[in-house]
Amino acid sequence: MDLSEGFIAVDWGTTNRRAYRIDPSGARGEEFEDGKGILSVAAGGFPEAIAEIRTRLGDLPLLLAGMIGSNRGWVEAKYVACPAGIGDLADALVWAGEREAIVPGVSYVGDGRGDVMRGEEVQLLGAVAGGQVPSRALVCHPGTHNKWVHVDKSRITSFRTVMTGELFNLLKQHSILADLLAGEAEAGDAFERGVTHALENADLPAELFAVRARVLLGEAQREDAPSYASGLLIGTDVRIGLSGLVPGDVFVMGRPELIRLYAAAIRSAGRKAIELDGEESFLTGIRTIAERIAN
């Protein structure tokens, strides 16, 4: 694939996509984000969706990452097994056309369980390649399905997914707590109380019901419910993620609005949290892959 005139990098998720024009020097140019994730593309509609990206950003080769390579995406890109580094991703690219390559996800099997990721690996290994994350580290990647990732020798060696974001959305939309969780969760006193409770107690299902009971009995403020419930869920997530006793700082990567609550909870657990911009890390990762296939 000829990248001498630049390329288009696409982070294509389940519900949205982000595309960036990268010039021959590697500089970030025109970009866009929309709600056309893979689930919004009709069967057989990916060539048209790809053409739309080129109409907006130019007739250039594409490097695509994320759910576009899943079994519900355009062309399936099989997982690369741990331990996996940025070179392993570049070596396992799947070609959907002469000028379209899909980055594979990463899988883990061990400790009696299995796990998978798609999209996060480009951000995470991009941060390693760019020096924002050291060659040995614990990384927290908040999202609908939060990832706790162990990095060693600049490779992903193991990870664990926690469905915290999805659980919170289900509670907001379909549970008895839905009317209480309509507001935004904030990293204030109520959130801190929820985190502390979760770190000290293993009673999440019971304490979630207590969110409603305390409001009904006048023992808690209704407006505090979203933050307290979020604190319970994220505190439980952090308790799981830190259970491996990996020492040192925790690198929290993603969008600022997603990482701020996790960083606050990690600090409440007595660990230092270093916040990183996942978008910039994605671009570093995709540029590194592009450099490898161009040489």
Protein backbone atom coordinates (compact mmCIF):
# COMPACT_ATOMS: atom_id res chain seq x y z
CA MET A 1 0.00 0.00 0.00
CA ASP A 2 1.51 3.31 -1.11
CA LEU A 3 1.40 5.81 1.76
CA SER A 4 3.68 8.38 0.14
CA GLU A 5 0.83 10.89 -0.18
CA GLY A 6 -0.50 10.20 3.31
CA PHE A 7 -3.42 8.10 4.48
CA ILE A 8 -6.69 8.17 6.39
CA ALA A 9 -6.81 6.69 9.90
CA VAL A 10 -10.21 5.44 11.10
CA ASP A 11 -11.21 4.44 14.62
CA TRP A 12 -14.51 2.69 13.85
CA GLY A 13 -16.52 1.56 16.84
CA THR A 14 -19.91 0.01 17.49
CA THR A 15 -21.85 3.28 17.66
CA ASN A 16 -19.54 5.94 16.19
CA ARG A 17 -16.53 6.45 13.96
CA ARG A 18 -13.68 8.95 13.89
CA ALA A 19 -11.56 9.56 10.81
CA TYR A 20 -8.38 11.61 10.40
CA ARG A 21 -6.38 12.64 7.36
CA ILE A 22 -2.66 12.10 8.00
CA ASP A 23 -0.28 13.90 5.65
CA PRO A 24 3.02 12.43 4.32
CA SER A 25 4.95 13.93 7.26
CA GLY A 26 2.60 12.23 9.74
CA ALA A 27 0.84 15.47 10.72
CA ARG A 28 -2.84 15.39 11.63
CA GLY A 29 -5.05 17.22 9.15
CA GLU A 30 -8.78 17.39 8.46
CA GLU A 31 -10.96 15.05 10.52
CA PHE A 32 -14.53 14.23 11.44
CA GLU A 33 -16.57 12.22 13.90
CA ASP A 34 -20.11 10.94 13.46
CA GLY A 35 -22.58 8.38 14.79
CA LYS A 36 -22.14 5.92 11.92
CA GLY A 37 -20.76 3.01 13.92
CA ILE A 38 -20.75 -0.51 12.49
CA LEU A 39 -24.27 -1.24 13.77
CA SER A 40 -25.66 1.59 11.64
CA VAL A 41 -24.22 0.17 8.41
CA ALA A 42 -26.60 -2.11 6.53
CA ALA A 43 -25.48 -5.51 5.30
CA GLY A 44 -23.22 -5.03 2.32
CA GLY A 45 -23.05 -1.29 2.97
CA PHE A 46 -19.41 -0.93 4.04
CA PRO A 47 -17.99 -0.09 0.58
CA GLU A 48 -20.41 2.84 0.43
CA ALA A 49 -19.45 3.90 3.97
CA ILE A 50 -15.76 3.75 3.00
CA ALA A 51 -16.44 5.83 -0.11
CA GLU A 52 -18.14 8.44 2.07
CA ILE A 53 -15.00 8.77 4.20
CA ARG A 54 -12.89 9.35 1.09
CA THR A 55 -15.36 11.91 -0.22
CA ARG A 56 -14.90 13.87 2.99
CA LEU A 57 -11.14 13.43 3.52
CA GLY A 58 -9.60 12.59 0.15
CA ASP A 59 -8.86 9.66 -2.12
CA LEU A 60 -6.20 8.07 0.08
CA PRO A 61 -5.40 4.62 1.51
CA LEU A 62 -7.18 3.73 4.76
CA LEU A 63 -5.91 2.14 7.97
CA LEU A 64 -8.92 1.06 10.01
CA ALA A 65 -9.10 -0.09 13.63
CA GLY A 66 -11.80 -1.06 16.09
CA MET A 67 -15.05 -2.97 15.59
CA ILE A 68 -14.80 -2.61 11.82
CA GLY A 69 -12.63 -5.75 12.06
CA SER A 70 -15.09 -7.73 14.20
CA ASN A 71 -17.39 -10.48 12.99
CA ARG A 72 -20.09 -7.81 12.74
CA GLY A 73 -17.89 -5.40 10.80
CA TRP A 74 -16.66 -5.20 7.21
CA VAL A 75 -13.98 -7.93 7.07
CA GLU A 76 -13.06 -9.93 10.14
CA ALA A 77 -9.51 -9.45 11.41
CA LYS A 78 -8.66 -12.32 13.76
CA TYR A 79 -7.24 -11.53 17.18
CA VAL A 80 -3.51 -11.49 17.86
CA ALA A 81 -2.81 -13.51 21.02
CA CYS A 82 -0.98 -12.03 24.02
CA PRO A 83 1.80 -11.13 24.36
CA ALA A 84 1.23 -8.61 21.57
CA GLY A 85 3.23 -5.56 20.55
CA ILE A 86 2.75 -2.90 17.90
CA GLY A 87 4.83 -4.93 15.43
CA ASP A 88 2.56 -7.94 15.89
CA LEU A 89 -0.45 -5.80 14.93
CA ALA A 90 1.31 -4.48 11.84
CA ASP A 91 2.29 -8.00 10.78
CA ALA A 92 -1.29 -9.26 11.13
CA LEU A 93 -3.12 -6.55 9.16
CA VAL A 94 -6.06 -7.85 7.14
CA TRP A 95 -6.50 -6.37 3.68
CA ALA A 96 -10.10 -5.59 2.80
CA GLY A 97 -9.05 -4.16 -0.56
CA GLU A 98 -5.94 -2.93 -2.34
CA ARG A 99 -5.91 0.30 -0.31
CA GLU A 100 -7.79 -0.66 2.87
CA ALA A 101 -6.14 -2.48 5.76
CA ILE A 102 -7.77 -3.46 9.08
CA VAL A 103 -5.82 -3.67 12.34
CA PRO A 104 -6.58 -6.85 14.34
CA GLY A 105 -7.67 -6.91 17.96
CA VAL A 106 -5.88 -8.68 20.80
CA SER A 107 -6.94 -11.78 22.75
CA TYR A 108 -5.92 -13.25 26.10
CA VAL A 109 -6.35 -16.79 27.43
CA GLY A 110 -5.07 -17.70 30.89
CA ASP A 111 -5.95 -17.92 34.57
CA GLY A 112 -8.99 -19.99 33.62
CA ARG A 113 -10.59 -17.22 31.54
CA GLY A 114 -10.49 -15.56 28.12
CA ASP A 115 -10.77 -11.95 27.01
CA VAL A 116 -10.71 -9.81 23.85
CA MET A 117 -10.25 -6.17 22.85
CA ARG A 118 -10.62 -4.20 19.61
CA GLY A 119 -9.48 -0.60 19.19
CA GLU A 120 -7.99 -0.12 22.64
CA GLU A 121 -4.81 -1.94 21.58
CA VAL A 122 -3.91 0.77 19.05
CA GLN A 123 -4.29 3.52 21.67
CA LEU A 124 -2.43 1.60 24.34
CA LEU A 125 0.50 0.46 22.22
CA GLY A 126 0.59 3.89 20.62
CA ALA A 127 1.11 5.41 24.07
CA VAL A 128 3.92 2.92 24.68
CA ALA A 129 5.50 3.73 21.31
CA GLY A 130 5.23 7.45 22.05
CA GLY A 131 6.76 7.14 25.52
CA GLN A 132 3.65 8.19 27.47
CA VAL A 133 3.38 4.69 28.97
CA PRO A 134 6.56 2.89 30.09
CA SER A 135 7.52 -0.54 28.81
CA ARG A 136 6.15 -2.11 32.01
CA ALA A 137 2.91 -0.67 33.36
CA LEU A 138 -0.70 -1.12 34.43
CA VAL A 139 -3.14 0.72 32.16
CA CYS A 140 -6.83 1.42 32.80
CA HIS A 141 -8.84 2.13 29.63
CA PRO A 142 -12.36 3.33 30.60
CA GLY A 143 -15.25 2.90 28.22
CA THR A 144 -18.41 0.89 27.81
CA HIS A 145 -16.24 -2.13 28.57
CA ASN A 146 -13.34 -0.94 30.73
CA LYS A 147 -9.99 -2.65 30.24
CA TRP A 148 -7.27 -3.28 32.84
CA VAL A 149 -4.13 -4.04 30.86
CA HIS A 150 -0.71 -5.29 31.96
CA VAL A 151 2.17 -4.19 29.73
CA ASP A 152 5.61 -5.77 29.92
CA LYS A 153 8.55 -5.30 27.54
CA SER A 154 6.33 -2.91 25.52
CA ARG A 155 3.78 -5.65 24.81
CA ILE A 156 0.28 -6.38 26.10
CA THR A 157 0.78 -9.48 28.24
CA SER A 158 -2.66 -9.83 29.85
CA PHE A 159 -5.84 -7.85 30.42
CA ARG A 160 -9.29 -8.03 31.97
CA THR A 161 -12.53 -6.43 30.83
CA VAL A 162 -15.15 -5.09 33.25
CA MET A 163 -18.59 -4.18 31.84
CA THR A 164 -19.03 -1.16 34.10
CA GLY A 165 -20.13 1.37 31.48
CA GLU A 166 -22.68 -0.98 30.01
CA LEU A 167 -24.05 -1.88 33.44
CA PHE A 168 -24.47 1.80 34.33
CA ASN A 169 -26.31 2.43 31.06
CA LEU A 170 -28.60 -0.54 31.69
CA LEU A 171 -29.38 0.74 35.19
CA LYS A 172 -30.15 4.19 33.76
CA GLN A 173 -32.46 2.84 31.08
CA HIS A 174 -34.09 -0.33 32.37
CA SER A 175 -33.84 -0.62 36.15
CA ILE A 176 -35.85 0.53 39.15
CA LEU A 177 -33.13 3.17 39.60
CA ALA A 178 -33.71 4.72 36.16
CA ASP A 179 -35.59 7.79 37.43
CA LEU A 180 -32.81 8.52 39.94
CA LEU A 181 -29.91 8.18 37.50
CA ALA A 182 -30.97 10.69 34.85
CA GLY A 183 -28.42 13.31 35.92
CA GLU A 184 -24.67 13.41 35.31
CA ALA A 185 -22.22 11.70 37.64
CA GLU A 186 -19.64 14.06 39.11
CA ALA A 187 -16.41 13.41 41.01
CA GLY A 188 -17.62 15.02 44.22
CA ASP A 189 -18.50 13.92 47.74
CA ALA A 190 -21.31 11.54 46.68
CA PHE A 191 -19.08 9.83 44.13
CA GLU A 192 -16.30 9.51 46.69
CA ARG A 193 -18.69 7.90 49.19
CA GLY A 194 -19.73 5.35 46.58
CA VAL A 195 -16.12 4.55 45.68
CA THR A 196 -15.12 4.15 49.33
CA HIS A 197 -18.04 1.83 50.03
CA ALA A 198 -17.19 -0.34 47.00
CA LEU A 199 -13.50 -0.54 47.88
CA GLU A 200 -14.34 -1.68 51.42
CA ASN A 201 -17.35 -3.94 50.78
CA ALA A 202 -18.31 -6.70 48.33
CA ASP A 203 -22.05 -6.02 48.32
CA LEU A 204 -22.70 -4.20 45.03
CA PRO A 205 -26.15 -5.69 44.19
CA ALA A 206 -27.48 -4.91 47.67
CA GLU A 207 -25.98 -1.43 47.86
CA LEU A 208 -27.43 -0.50 44.47
CA PHE A 209 -30.93 -1.14 45.82
CA ALA A 210 -30.05 0.91 48.88
CA VAL A 211 -29.51 3.92 46.58
CA ARG A 212 -33.27 4.01 45.99
CA ALA A 213 -34.25 3.07 49.54
CA ARG A 214 -32.25 5.89 51.14
CA VAL A 215 -33.79 8.48 48.84
CA LEU A 216 -37.31 7.18 49.58
CA LEU A 217 -36.65 7.34 53.34
CA GLY A 218 -35.11 10.79 53.23
CA GLU A 219 -31.66 9.52 54.16
CA ALA A 220 -29.99 10.68 50.92
CA GLN A 221 -30.44 13.47 48.39
CA ARG A 222 -32.04 12.52 45.08
CA GLU A 223 -29.54 14.63 43.12
CA ASP A 224 -26.64 12.64 44.61
CA ALA A 225 -27.90 9.30 43.29
CA PRO A 226 -26.12 9.31 39.86
CA SER A 227 -22.75 10.16 41.39
CA TYR A 228 -23.09 7.69 44.27
CA ALA A 229 -24.20 4.84 41.99
CA SER A 230 -21.38 5.64 39.57
CA GLY A 231 -18.96 5.59 42.48
CA LEU A 232 -20.22 2.16 43.53
CA LEU A 233 -19.76 0.72 40.05
CA ILE A 234 -16.40 2.34 39.30
CA GLY A 235 -15.12 1.57 42.81
CA THR A 236 -15.98 -2.09 42.26
CA ASP A 237 -14.24 -1.93 38.87
CA VAL A 238 -11.10 -0.42 40.44
CA ARG A 239 -11.13 -3.04 43.18
CA ILE A 240 -11.04 -5.73 40.47
CA GLY A 241 -8.40 -3.96 38.42
CA LEU A 242 -6.00 -3.40 41.30
CA SER A 243 -6.41 -6.90 42.72
CA GLY A 244 -3.34 -8.16 40.84
CA LEU A 245 -1.09 -6.08 43.13
CA VAL A 246 0.90 -4.63 40.22
CA PRO A 247 2.95 -1.84 41.87
CA GLY A 248 3.49 1.68 40.61
CA ASP A 249 1.43 4.31 38.83
CA VAL A 250 -1.78 3.53 36.96
CA PHE A 251 -2.06 5.04 33.49
CA VAL A 252 -5.67 5.98 32.73
CA MET A 253 -6.30 6.38 29.01
CA GLY A 254 -9.31 7.54 27.02
CA ARG A 255 -11.48 10.57 26.52
CA PRO A 256 -11.22 13.21 29.27
CA GLU A 257 -14.88 12.88 30.26
CA LEU A 258 -14.44 9.14 30.73
CA ILE A 259 -11.12 9.02 32.53
CA ARG A 260 -11.72 11.71 35.17
CA LEU A 261 -14.00 9.53 37.32
CA TYR A 262 -11.71 6.50 37.08
CA ALA A 263 -8.67 8.59 37.94
CA ALA A 264 -10.48 9.93 41.02
CA ALA A 265 -11.44 6.41 42.12
CA ILE A 266 -7.90 5.08 41.62
CA ARG A 267 -6.53 7.90 43.76
CA SER A 268 -9.11 7.04 46.43
CA ALA A 269 -7.65 3.53 46.41
CA GLY A 270 -4.26 5.00 47.29
CA ARG A 271 -2.64 4.78 43.85
CA LYS A 272 -1.30 7.53 41.62
CA ALA A 273 -3.32 7.95 38.41
CA ILE A 274 -1.73 9.48 35.31
CA GLU A 275 -4.32 10.65 32.77
CA LEU A 276 -3.63 10.29 29.03
CA ASP A 277 -5.51 11.48 25.94
CA GLY A 278 -6.63 8.34 24.13
CA GLU A 279 -7.18 10.16 20.83
CA GLU A 280 -3.56 11.29 20.59
CA SER A 281 -2.39 7.82 21.60
CA PHE A 282 -4.53 6.27 18.85
CA LEU A 283 -2.94 8.55 16.26
CA THR A 284 0.56 7.69 17.51
CA GLY A 285 -0.27 3.98 17.29
CA ILE A 286 -1.75 4.15 13.82
CA ARG A 287 1.19 6.24 12.56
CA THR A 288 3.61 3.65 13.97
CA ILE A 289 1.76 0.85 12.15
CA ALA A 290 1.79 2.91 8.95
CA GLU A 291 5.54 3.42 9.24
CA ARG A 292 6.09 -0.32 9.60
CA ILE A 293 4.09 -1.28 6.53
CA ALA A 294 5.62 1.53 4.45
CA ASN A 295 9.20 0.35 5.09
